[in-house]
Amino acid sequence: MNIVQEQQQEAVNNTMARVTTRLWEAEGDLWYIHSDGGRRKYKSRHMTNNGRMFVDGKYVPQTHPLHKAGNYKSFNDAAFSSFANYNQSTVGDVYIITNDAWPEWIKVGKAIDAEDRLKSYQTGDPLRSYTLRYSVNLDNRHTSEIRAHKALELISDERRNEWFKVDLSAAVKCLGDLDG
């Protein structure tokens, strides 16, 4: 066997060693035998990168306005853990949510993430009957929501806070016009 073949065989053996590595628990930690023969503490990649943010198991990039390293169940949890960022951040969604229990009514609101906001509504409804009908991401969700409310107030039959008795297609058109 020449030097090249020996190096290739060693590479195969090292690969096999990594594939067949077994973990065991001792002293409250997980351990494995490294290819150099020494015992090493196992750390998952997630645990070793403390700069990452996850919301509901999904990675959130550092460019997100509410980025704060850690694991959160929802953006609300993340927002309130970094409340200063939440108040300063204007980018986000203006959305329309409906509920089959009130078919003539729509809710227009704002959130950093409309899908995440929908999840928070579902916790108050045992039938999970809220539906996100439309959302638009805007540079300033605060002023855009106010503009949407004013426009919808003019065409709706009735208003109760953020709920409007109005045709869904007319409401979608109002939100679509915010972007332009």
N, C-alpha and C. Protein backbone atom coordinates (compact mmCIF):
# COMPACT_ATOMS: atom_id res chain seq x y z
N MET A 1 0.86 -1.18 0.00
CA MET A 1 0.00 0.00 0.00
C MET A 1 0.90 1.24 0.00
N ASN A 2 0.63 2.16 -0.92
CA ASN A 2 1.45 3.38 -0.97
C ASN A 2 0.87 4.44 -0.04
N ILE A 3 1.54 5.58 0.05
CA ILE A 3 1.15 6.67 0.97
C ILE A 3 -0.25 7.19 0.65
N VAL A 4 -0.58 7.36 -0.62
CA VAL A 4 -1.90 7.87 -1.01
C VAL A 4 -2.98 6.90 -0.57
N GLN A 5 -2.76 5.61 -0.80
CA GLN A 5 -3.75 4.60 -0.39
C GLN A 5 -3.91 4.58 1.13
N GLU A 6 -2.80 4.74 1.86
CA GLU A 6 -2.87 4.77 3.32
C GLU A 6 -3.69 5.97 3.80
N GLN A 7 -3.47 7.13 3.17
CA GLN A 7 -4.23 8.33 3.55
C GLN A 7 -5.72 8.16 3.23
N GLN A 8 -6.00 7.53 2.07
CA GLN A 8 -7.40 7.28 1.72
C GLN A 8 -8.04 6.33 2.72
N GLN A 9 -7.33 5.29 3.10
CA GLN A 9 -7.86 4.32 4.07
C GLN A 9 -8.08 4.99 5.42
N GLU A 10 -7.15 5.86 5.83
CA GLU A 10 -7.29 6.57 7.10
C GLU A 10 -8.52 7.49 7.06
N ALA A 11 -8.74 8.15 5.92
CA ALA A 11 -9.91 9.02 5.77
C ALA A 11 -11.19 8.21 5.88
N VAL A 12 -11.21 7.03 5.26
CA VAL A 12 -12.39 6.16 5.35
C VAL A 12 -12.59 5.72 6.79
N ASN A 13 -11.53 5.33 7.48
CA ASN A 13 -11.64 4.91 8.88
C ASN A 13 -12.16 6.04 9.76
N ASN A 14 -11.64 7.26 9.54
CA ASN A 14 -12.12 8.41 10.32
C ASN A 14 -13.59 8.69 10.06
N THR A 15 -13.99 8.58 8.79
CA THR A 15 -15.40 8.78 8.45
C THR A 15 -16.25 7.73 9.13
N MET A 16 -15.81 6.49 9.09
CA MET A 16 -16.56 5.41 9.73
C MET A 16 -16.63 5.63 11.23
N ALA A 17 -15.54 6.12 11.82
CA ALA A 17 -15.54 6.38 13.26
C ALA A 17 -16.58 7.44 13.61
N ARG A 18 -16.69 8.48 12.78
CA ARG A 18 -17.68 9.52 13.04
C ARG A 18 -19.09 8.99 12.88
N VAL A 19 -19.28 8.13 11.88
CA VAL A 19 -20.62 7.59 11.63
C VAL A 19 -21.06 6.68 12.77
N THR A 20 -20.13 5.92 13.33
CA THR A 20 -20.50 4.94 14.35
C THR A 20 -20.35 5.48 15.77
N THR A 21 -20.04 6.78 15.92
CA THR A 21 -19.88 7.36 17.25
C THR A 21 -21.16 7.21 18.06
N ARG A 22 -21.00 6.82 19.29
CA ARG A 22 -22.15 6.68 20.19
C ARG A 22 -22.02 7.68 21.33
N LEU A 23 -23.14 8.17 21.76
CA LEU A 23 -23.18 9.10 22.87
C LEU A 23 -23.55 8.35 24.14
N TRP A 24 -23.04 8.81 25.27
CA TRP A 24 -23.49 8.28 26.55
C TRP A 24 -23.60 9.43 27.53
N GLU A 25 -24.38 9.20 28.56
CA GLU A 25 -24.59 10.24 29.56
C GLU A 25 -23.76 9.92 30.78
N ALA A 26 -23.05 10.94 31.25
CA ALA A 26 -22.26 10.81 32.47
C ALA A 26 -22.09 12.21 33.04
N GLU A 27 -22.13 12.29 34.35
CA GLU A 27 -21.94 13.56 35.04
C GLU A 27 -22.94 14.63 34.57
N GLY A 28 -24.13 14.19 34.14
CA GLY A 28 -25.17 15.12 33.73
C GLY A 28 -25.00 15.69 32.34
N ASP A 29 -24.01 15.21 31.56
CA ASP A 29 -23.77 15.69 30.20
C ASP A 29 -23.70 14.51 29.24
N LEU A 30 -23.82 14.82 27.94
CA LEU A 30 -23.61 13.81 26.91
C LEU A 30 -22.15 13.84 26.48
N TRP A 31 -21.56 12.63 26.26
CA TRP A 31 -20.16 12.51 25.92
C TRP A 31 -20.00 11.61 24.70
N TYR A 32 -18.86 11.76 24.00
CA TYR A 32 -18.50 10.86 22.90
C TYR A 32 -16.98 10.75 22.86
N ILE A 33 -16.50 9.73 22.13
CA ILE A 33 -15.06 9.56 21.95
C ILE A 33 -14.68 10.23 20.64
N HIS A 34 -13.79 11.21 20.71
CA HIS A 34 -13.32 11.94 19.53
C HIS A 34 -12.39 11.03 18.72
N SER A 35 -12.18 11.38 17.44
CA SER A 35 -11.31 10.57 16.59
C SER A 35 -9.88 10.51 17.10
N ASP A 36 -9.47 11.46 17.95
CA ASP A 36 -8.12 11.41 18.54
C ASP A 36 -8.06 10.51 19.76
N GLY A 37 -9.20 9.90 20.11
CA GLY A 37 -9.24 8.97 21.24
C GLY A 37 -9.66 9.61 22.55
N GLY A 38 -9.73 10.93 22.60
CA GLY A 38 -10.11 11.62 23.83
C GLY A 38 -11.63 11.73 24.00
N ARG A 39 -12.04 11.83 25.25
CA ARG A 39 -13.46 12.00 25.56
C ARG A 39 -13.83 13.47 25.38
N ARG A 40 -14.97 13.73 24.69
CA ARG A 40 -15.42 15.10 24.45
C ARG A 40 -16.88 15.26 24.87
N LYS A 41 -17.20 16.45 25.37
CA LYS A 41 -18.59 16.75 25.72
C LYS A 41 -19.33 17.10 24.44
N TYR A 42 -20.51 16.51 24.26
CA TYR A 42 -21.32 16.77 23.07
C TYR A 42 -22.12 18.05 23.25
N LYS A 43 -22.03 18.94 22.27
CA LYS A 43 -22.84 20.15 22.26
C LYS A 43 -23.53 20.22 20.91
N SER A 44 -24.82 20.42 20.92
CA SER A 44 -25.50 20.54 19.64
C SER A 44 -25.11 21.87 19.01
N ARG A 45 -25.23 21.94 17.70
CA ARG A 45 -24.89 23.17 16.98
C ARG A 45 -25.75 24.33 17.48
N HIS A 46 -27.00 24.03 17.78
CA HIS A 46 -27.91 25.06 18.27
C HIS A 46 -27.39 25.68 19.57
N MET A 47 -26.87 24.83 20.45
CA MET A 47 -26.41 25.33 21.74
C MET A 47 -25.12 26.13 21.62
N THR A 48 -24.29 25.82 20.61
CA THR A 48 -23.01 26.49 20.51
C THR A 48 -23.09 27.83 19.79
N ASN A 49 -24.18 28.10 19.10
CA ASN A 49 -24.32 29.38 18.42
C ASN A 49 -25.33 30.23 19.18
N ASN A 50 -24.82 31.00 20.12
CA ASN A 50 -25.70 31.78 21.00
C ASN A 50 -26.28 33.02 20.33
N GLY A 51 -25.88 33.33 19.11
CA GLY A 51 -26.37 34.52 18.43
C GLY A 51 -27.63 34.29 17.62
N ARG A 52 -28.15 33.08 17.59
CA ARG A 52 -29.31 32.77 16.77
C ARG A 52 -30.61 33.00 17.52
N MET A 53 -31.64 33.32 16.75
CA MET A 53 -32.99 33.51 17.31
C MET A 53 -33.92 32.51 16.64
N PHE A 54 -34.77 31.85 17.44
CA PHE A 54 -35.76 30.93 16.93
C PHE A 54 -37.12 31.30 17.50
N VAL A 55 -38.13 31.34 16.63
CA VAL A 55 -39.51 31.58 17.06
C VAL A 55 -40.32 30.39 16.58
N ASP A 56 -40.95 29.70 17.50
CA ASP A 56 -41.75 28.51 17.19
C ASP A 56 -40.92 27.50 16.38
N GLY A 57 -39.64 27.37 16.74
CA GLY A 57 -38.76 26.41 16.08
C GLY A 57 -38.19 26.87 14.76
N LYS A 58 -38.53 28.06 14.30
CA LYS A 58 -38.05 28.56 13.01
C LYS A 58 -36.97 29.62 13.23
N TYR A 59 -35.92 29.55 12.41
CA TYR A 59 -34.81 30.49 12.51
C TYR A 59 -35.26 31.88 12.07
N VAL A 60 -34.84 32.91 12.80
CA VAL A 60 -35.12 34.30 12.48
C VAL A 60 -33.78 34.98 12.23
N PRO A 61 -33.58 35.56 11.04
CA PRO A 61 -32.28 36.17 10.74
C PRO A 61 -32.00 37.41 11.58
N GLN A 62 -30.73 37.75 11.69
CA GLN A 62 -30.33 38.90 12.49
C GLN A 62 -30.83 40.22 11.90
N THR A 63 -31.24 40.22 10.66
CA THR A 63 -31.75 41.44 10.03
C THR A 63 -33.18 41.76 10.47
N HIS A 64 -33.84 40.82 11.12
CA HIS A 64 -35.22 41.06 11.58
C HIS A 64 -35.22 42.15 12.64
N PRO A 65 -36.22 43.07 12.58
CA PRO A 65 -36.20 44.20 13.52
C PRO A 65 -36.30 43.81 15.00
N LEU A 66 -36.85 42.65 15.30
CA LEU A 66 -36.97 42.23 16.70
C LEU A 66 -35.92 41.20 17.10
N HIS A 67 -34.88 41.04 16.29
CA HIS A 67 -33.92 39.98 16.58
C HIS A 67 -33.34 40.13 17.98
N LYS A 68 -33.43 39.07 18.73
CA LYS A 68 -32.79 38.95 20.03
C LYS A 68 -32.53 37.47 20.22
N ALA A 69 -31.29 37.10 20.38
CA ALA A 69 -30.91 35.70 20.46
C ALA A 69 -31.71 34.97 21.52
N GLY A 70 -32.15 33.76 21.18
CA GLY A 70 -32.88 32.93 22.12
C GLY A 70 -33.97 32.14 21.43
N ASN A 71 -34.71 31.37 22.22
CA ASN A 71 -35.84 30.58 21.74
C ASN A 71 -37.12 31.17 22.29
N TYR A 72 -38.10 31.40 21.42
CA TYR A 72 -39.37 32.00 21.83
C TYR A 72 -40.51 31.22 21.20
N LYS A 73 -41.63 31.17 21.89
CA LYS A 73 -42.81 30.50 21.36
C LYS A 73 -43.51 31.33 20.29
N SER A 74 -43.46 32.66 20.44
CA SER A 74 -44.12 33.54 19.47
C SER A 74 -43.34 34.85 19.39
N PHE A 75 -43.68 35.64 18.37
CA PHE A 75 -43.04 36.96 18.27
C PHE A 75 -43.47 37.86 19.41
N ASN A 76 -44.66 37.64 19.95
CA ASN A 76 -45.08 38.42 21.12
C ASN A 76 -44.10 38.20 22.27
N ASP A 77 -43.74 36.94 22.51
CA ASP A 77 -42.76 36.65 23.57
C ASP A 77 -41.44 37.35 23.29
N ALA A 78 -41.01 37.27 22.03
CA ALA A 78 -39.75 37.91 21.65
C ALA A 78 -39.86 39.43 21.78
N ALA A 79 -40.99 39.97 21.34
CA ALA A 79 -41.17 41.42 21.36
C ALA A 79 -41.13 41.96 22.79
N PHE A 80 -41.81 41.27 23.69
CA PHE A 80 -41.86 41.77 25.05
C PHE A 80 -40.58 41.49 25.82
N SER A 81 -39.77 40.57 25.32
CA SER A 81 -38.47 40.38 25.96
C SER A 81 -37.48 41.45 25.49
N SER A 82 -37.77 42.05 24.35
CA SER A 82 -36.95 43.17 23.86
C SER A 82 -37.88 44.32 23.52
N PHE A 83 -38.56 44.82 24.51
CA PHE A 83 -39.62 45.81 24.33
C PHE A 83 -39.12 47.08 23.65
N ALA A 84 -37.89 47.47 23.90
CA ALA A 84 -37.35 48.68 23.26
C ALA A 84 -37.34 48.50 21.74
N ASN A 85 -36.92 47.33 21.25
CA ASN A 85 -36.93 47.06 19.81
C ASN A 85 -38.35 47.07 19.26
N TYR A 86 -39.29 46.55 20.03
CA TYR A 86 -40.68 46.48 19.58
C TYR A 86 -41.23 47.89 19.34
N ASN A 87 -40.98 48.81 20.25
CA ASN A 87 -41.48 50.18 20.10
C ASN A 87 -40.79 50.92 18.96
N GLN A 88 -39.52 50.65 18.73
CA GLN A 88 -38.78 51.34 17.68
C GLN A 88 -39.05 50.78 16.29
N SER A 89 -39.41 49.52 16.21
CA SER A 89 -39.62 48.87 14.93
C SER A 89 -40.98 49.26 14.35
N THR A 90 -40.97 49.73 13.11
CA THR A 90 -42.24 50.11 12.47
C THR A 90 -42.62 49.12 11.38
N VAL A 91 -41.66 48.37 10.87
CA VAL A 91 -41.94 47.41 9.79
C VAL A 91 -42.82 46.29 10.31
N GLY A 92 -43.79 45.89 9.51
CA GLY A 92 -44.65 44.78 9.91
C GLY A 92 -45.87 44.66 9.01
N ASP A 93 -46.82 43.88 9.46
CA ASP A 93 -48.01 43.57 8.67
C ASP A 93 -49.23 44.32 9.17
N VAL A 94 -50.08 44.70 8.23
CA VAL A 94 -51.46 45.09 8.51
C VAL A 94 -52.27 43.94 7.92
N TYR A 95 -53.20 43.41 8.68
CA TYR A 95 -53.85 42.15 8.30
C TYR A 95 -55.37 42.21 8.46
N ILE A 96 -56.02 41.23 7.83
CA ILE A 96 -57.46 41.03 7.99
C ILE A 96 -57.65 39.61 8.53
N ILE A 97 -58.37 39.52 9.64
CA ILE A 97 -58.71 38.24 10.24
C ILE A 97 -60.24 38.15 10.31
N THR A 98 -60.78 36.97 10.04
CA THR A 98 -62.22 36.74 10.17
C THR A 98 -62.45 35.56 11.09
N ASN A 99 -63.69 35.44 11.53
CA ASN A 99 -64.12 34.31 12.35
C ASN A 99 -65.49 33.89 11.85
N ASP A 100 -65.68 32.60 11.60
CA ASP A 100 -66.94 32.09 11.07
C ASP A 100 -68.12 32.36 11.99
N ALA A 101 -67.86 32.60 13.26
CA ALA A 101 -68.95 32.89 14.20
C ALA A 101 -69.59 34.25 13.89
N TRP A 102 -68.84 35.15 13.26
CA TRP A 102 -69.34 36.48 12.89
C TRP A 102 -69.02 36.71 11.42
N PRO A 103 -69.76 36.10 10.51
CA PRO A 103 -69.40 36.11 9.09
C PRO A 103 -69.42 37.49 8.43
N GLU A 104 -70.15 38.43 8.99
CA GLU A 104 -70.22 39.76 8.36
C GLU A 104 -69.11 40.70 8.86
N TRP A 105 -68.36 40.26 9.84
CA TRP A 105 -67.37 41.13 10.47
C TRP A 105 -65.95 40.71 10.08
N ILE A 106 -65.07 41.71 9.96
CA ILE A 106 -63.64 41.46 9.75
C ILE A 106 -62.86 42.28 10.78
N LYS A 107 -61.70 41.80 11.13
CA LYS A 107 -60.83 42.54 12.05
C LYS A 107 -59.62 43.00 11.26
N VAL A 108 -59.28 44.27 11.38
CA VAL A 108 -58.08 44.81 10.76
C VAL A 108 -57.14 45.23 11.88
N GLY A 109 -55.95 44.68 11.85
CA GLY A 109 -54.98 44.99 12.90
C GLY A 109 -53.57 45.06 12.35
N LYS A 110 -52.62 45.23 13.26
CA LYS A 110 -51.20 45.32 12.89
C LYS A 110 -50.41 44.37 13.76
N ALA A 111 -49.30 43.91 13.21
CA ALA A 111 -48.42 43.00 13.95
C ALA A 111 -47.07 42.95 13.26
N ILE A 112 -46.08 42.53 13.98
CA ILE A 112 -44.77 42.28 13.36
C ILE A 112 -44.94 41.16 12.33
N ASP A 113 -45.72 40.13 12.70
CA ASP A 113 -45.93 38.97 11.84
C ASP A 113 -47.40 38.55 11.96
N ALA A 114 -48.16 38.62 10.87
CA ALA A 114 -49.59 38.34 10.91
C ALA A 114 -49.89 36.89 11.26
N GLU A 115 -49.10 35.97 10.75
CA GLU A 115 -49.32 34.54 11.06
C GLU A 115 -49.16 34.29 12.56
N ASP A 116 -48.17 34.93 13.13
CA ASP A 116 -47.93 34.79 14.56
C ASP A 116 -49.10 35.39 15.36
N ARG A 117 -49.60 36.53 14.92
CA ARG A 117 -50.74 37.15 15.59
C ARG A 117 -51.96 36.23 15.54
N LEU A 118 -52.17 35.58 14.39
CA LEU A 118 -53.29 34.65 14.26
C LEU A 118 -53.21 33.55 15.31
N LYS A 119 -52.01 33.05 15.56
CA LYS A 119 -51.84 32.00 16.59
C LYS A 119 -52.31 32.49 17.95
N SER A 120 -52.04 33.76 18.27
CA SER A 120 -52.46 34.27 19.58
C SER A 120 -53.98 34.39 19.66
N TYR A 121 -54.65 34.65 18.55
CA TYR A 121 -56.12 34.67 18.55
C TYR A 121 -56.67 33.27 18.75
N GLN A 122 -56.03 32.29 18.14
CA GLN A 122 -56.53 30.92 18.21
C GLN A 122 -56.56 30.39 19.64
N THR A 123 -55.69 30.87 20.50
CA THR A 123 -55.68 30.37 21.88
C THR A 123 -56.95 30.74 22.62
N GLY A 124 -57.64 31.80 22.19
CA GLY A 124 -58.87 32.21 22.83
C GLY A 124 -60.11 31.60 22.20
N ASP A 125 -59.94 30.71 21.25
CA ASP A 125 -61.06 30.11 20.52
C ASP A 125 -60.91 28.59 20.51
N PRO A 126 -61.75 27.88 21.25
CA PRO A 126 -61.59 26.42 21.31
C PRO A 126 -61.77 25.73 19.95
N LEU A 127 -62.46 26.38 19.02
CA LEU A 127 -62.67 25.78 17.69
C LEU A 127 -61.61 26.22 16.68
N ARG A 128 -60.73 27.12 17.09
CA ARG A 128 -59.67 27.62 16.22
C ARG A 128 -60.24 28.11 14.88
N SER A 129 -61.29 28.92 14.96
CA SER A 129 -62.00 29.32 13.75
C SER A 129 -61.60 30.69 13.20
N TYR A 130 -60.54 31.30 13.73
CA TYR A 130 -60.04 32.53 13.14
C TYR A 130 -59.24 32.19 11.88
N THR A 131 -59.38 33.01 10.86
CA THR A 131 -58.68 32.79 9.60
C THR A 131 -58.00 34.08 9.15
N LEU A 132 -56.75 33.98 8.80
CA LEU A 132 -56.04 35.12 8.23
C LEU A 132 -56.44 35.20 6.76
N ARG A 133 -57.14 36.27 6.39
CA ARG A 133 -57.64 36.41 5.02
C ARG A 133 -56.69 37.17 4.11
N TYR A 134 -55.95 38.12 4.70
CA TYR A 134 -55.08 38.95 3.87
C TYR A 134 -54.10 39.67 4.79
N SER A 135 -52.89 39.85 4.31
CA SER A 135 -51.93 40.69 5.04
C SER A 135 -51.00 41.34 4.04
N VAL A 136 -50.52 42.51 4.41
CA VAL A 136 -49.57 43.23 3.57
C VAL A 136 -48.45 43.72 4.49
N ASN A 137 -47.20 43.50 4.05
CA ASN A 137 -46.06 43.94 4.84
C ASN A 137 -45.70 45.36 4.42
N LEU A 138 -45.58 46.24 5.40
CA LEU A 138 -45.38 47.67 5.13
C LEU A 138 -44.23 48.23 5.95
N ASP A 139 -43.71 49.35 5.50
CA ASP A 139 -42.61 50.00 6.21
C ASP A 139 -43.05 50.56 7.56
N ASN A 140 -44.31 51.02 7.66
CA ASN A 140 -44.81 51.55 8.93
C ASN A 140 -46.20 50.98 9.20
N ARG A 141 -46.21 49.91 9.97
CA ARG A 141 -47.49 49.23 10.25
C ARG A 141 -48.41 50.10 11.11
N HIS A 142 -47.84 50.97 11.92
CA HIS A 142 -48.63 51.80 12.83
C HIS A 142 -49.50 52.80 12.05
N THR A 143 -48.86 53.61 11.22
CA THR A 143 -49.63 54.62 10.46
C THR A 143 -50.49 53.96 9.39
N SER A 144 -50.04 52.84 8.84
CA SER A 144 -50.82 52.14 7.82
C SER A 144 -52.11 51.57 8.40
N GLU A 145 -52.03 51.06 9.63
CA GLU A 145 -53.24 50.55 10.27
C GLU A 145 -54.24 51.69 10.51
N ILE A 146 -53.77 52.83 10.95
CA ILE A 146 -54.66 53.98 11.18
C ILE A 146 -55.32 54.40 9.87
N ARG A 147 -54.54 54.45 8.78
CA ARG A 147 -55.10 54.80 7.47
C ARG A 147 -56.14 53.77 7.03
N ALA A 148 -55.86 52.50 7.27
CA ALA A 148 -56.82 51.44 6.89
C ALA A 148 -58.11 51.59 7.69
N HIS A 149 -58.01 51.85 8.99
CA HIS A 149 -59.20 52.02 9.82
C HIS A 149 -60.05 53.19 9.35
N LYS A 150 -59.40 54.30 9.00
CA LYS A 150 -60.15 55.47 8.53
C LYS A 150 -60.85 55.18 7.22
N ALA A 151 -60.18 54.49 6.30
CA ALA A 151 -60.78 54.15 5.01
C ALA A 151 -61.94 53.18 5.18
N LEU A 152 -61.77 52.18 6.06
CA LEU A 152 -62.83 51.19 6.28
C LEU A 152 -64.03 51.80 7.00
N GLU A 153 -63.77 52.75 7.86
CA GLU A 153 -64.87 53.40 8.58
C GLU A 153 -65.83 54.09 7.61
N LEU A 154 -65.30 54.60 6.52
CA LEU A 154 -66.12 55.29 5.52
C LEU A 154 -67.03 54.34 4.74
N ILE A 155 -66.60 53.09 4.56
CA ILE A 155 -67.38 52.16 3.73
C ILE A 155 -68.07 51.06 4.53
N SER A 156 -67.82 50.99 5.83
CA SER A 156 -68.42 49.91 6.63
C SER A 156 -69.80 50.31 7.17
N ASP A 157 -70.63 49.30 7.42
CA ASP A 157 -71.95 49.54 8.00
C ASP A 157 -71.83 49.87 9.49
N GLU A 158 -70.82 49.30 10.13
CA GLU A 158 -70.66 49.48 11.57
C GLU A 158 -69.20 49.21 11.94
N ARG A 159 -68.76 49.82 13.05
CA ARG A 159 -67.40 49.60 13.54
C ARG A 159 -67.43 49.37 15.04
N ARG A 160 -66.68 48.38 15.50
CA ARG A 160 -66.47 48.10 16.92
C ARG A 160 -64.98 47.93 17.15
N ASN A 161 -64.32 48.99 17.61
CA ASN A 161 -62.86 48.99 17.78
C ASN A 161 -62.17 48.63 16.47
N GLU A 162 -61.51 47.48 16.40
CA GLU A 162 -60.81 47.09 15.18
C GLU A 162 -61.64 46.16 14.30
N TRP A 163 -62.90 45.95 14.65
CA TRP A 163 -63.80 45.09 13.89
C TRP A 163 -64.73 45.95 13.04
N PHE A 164 -64.88 45.55 11.78
CA PHE A 164 -65.69 46.30 10.84
C PHE A 164 -66.70 45.37 10.18
N LYS A 165 -67.95 45.86 10.05
CA LYS A 165 -68.98 45.13 9.34
C LYS A 165 -68.93 45.61 7.89
N VAL A 166 -68.16 44.89 7.08
CA VAL A 166 -67.87 45.31 5.71
C VAL A 166 -67.57 44.07 4.87
N ASP A 167 -67.78 44.21 3.57
CA ASP A 167 -67.49 43.12 2.63
C ASP A 167 -65.98 42.84 2.62
N LEU A 168 -65.61 41.57 2.66
CA LEU A 168 -64.21 41.18 2.71
C LEU A 168 -63.43 41.70 1.50
N SER A 169 -64.00 41.61 0.32
CA SER A 169 -63.27 42.06 -0.88
C SER A 169 -63.00 43.56 -0.84
N ALA A 170 -63.92 44.34 -0.29
CA ALA A 170 -63.71 45.78 -0.15
C ALA A 170 -62.59 46.06 0.85
N ALA A 171 -62.54 45.29 1.92
CA ALA A 171 -61.48 45.47 2.93
C ALA A 171 -60.13 45.09 2.35
N VAL A 172 -60.07 44.01 1.58
CA VAL A 172 -58.82 43.59 0.95
C VAL A 172 -58.33 44.68 0.00
N LYS A 173 -59.24 45.29 -0.75
CA LYS A 173 -58.87 46.38 -1.65
C LYS A 173 -58.28 47.57 -0.86
N CYS A 174 -58.90 47.90 0.27
CA CYS A 174 -58.38 48.99 1.11
C CYS A 174 -56.95 48.71 1.56
N LEU A 175 -56.68 47.51 2.01
CA LEU A 175 -55.33 47.16 2.47
C LEU A 175 -54.35 47.10 1.30
N GLY A 176 -54.82 46.61 0.17
CA GLY A 176 -53.97 46.58 -1.02
C GLY A 176 -53.56 47.97 -1.45
N ASP A 177 -54.46 48.95 -1.27
CA ASP A 177 -54.17 50.34 -1.64
C ASP A 177 -53.15 50.99 -0.72
N LEU A 178 -52.94 50.44 0.48
CA LEU A 178 -51.97 51.01 1.42
C LEU A 178 -50.56 50.91 0.88
N ASP A 179 -50.30 49.87 0.14
CA ASP A 179 -48.95 49.59 -0.35
C ASP A 179 -48.53 50.54 -1.46
N GLY A 180 -49.50 51.14 -2.15
CA GLY A 180 -49.18 51.97 -3.30
C GLY A 180 -49.03 53.42 -3.05
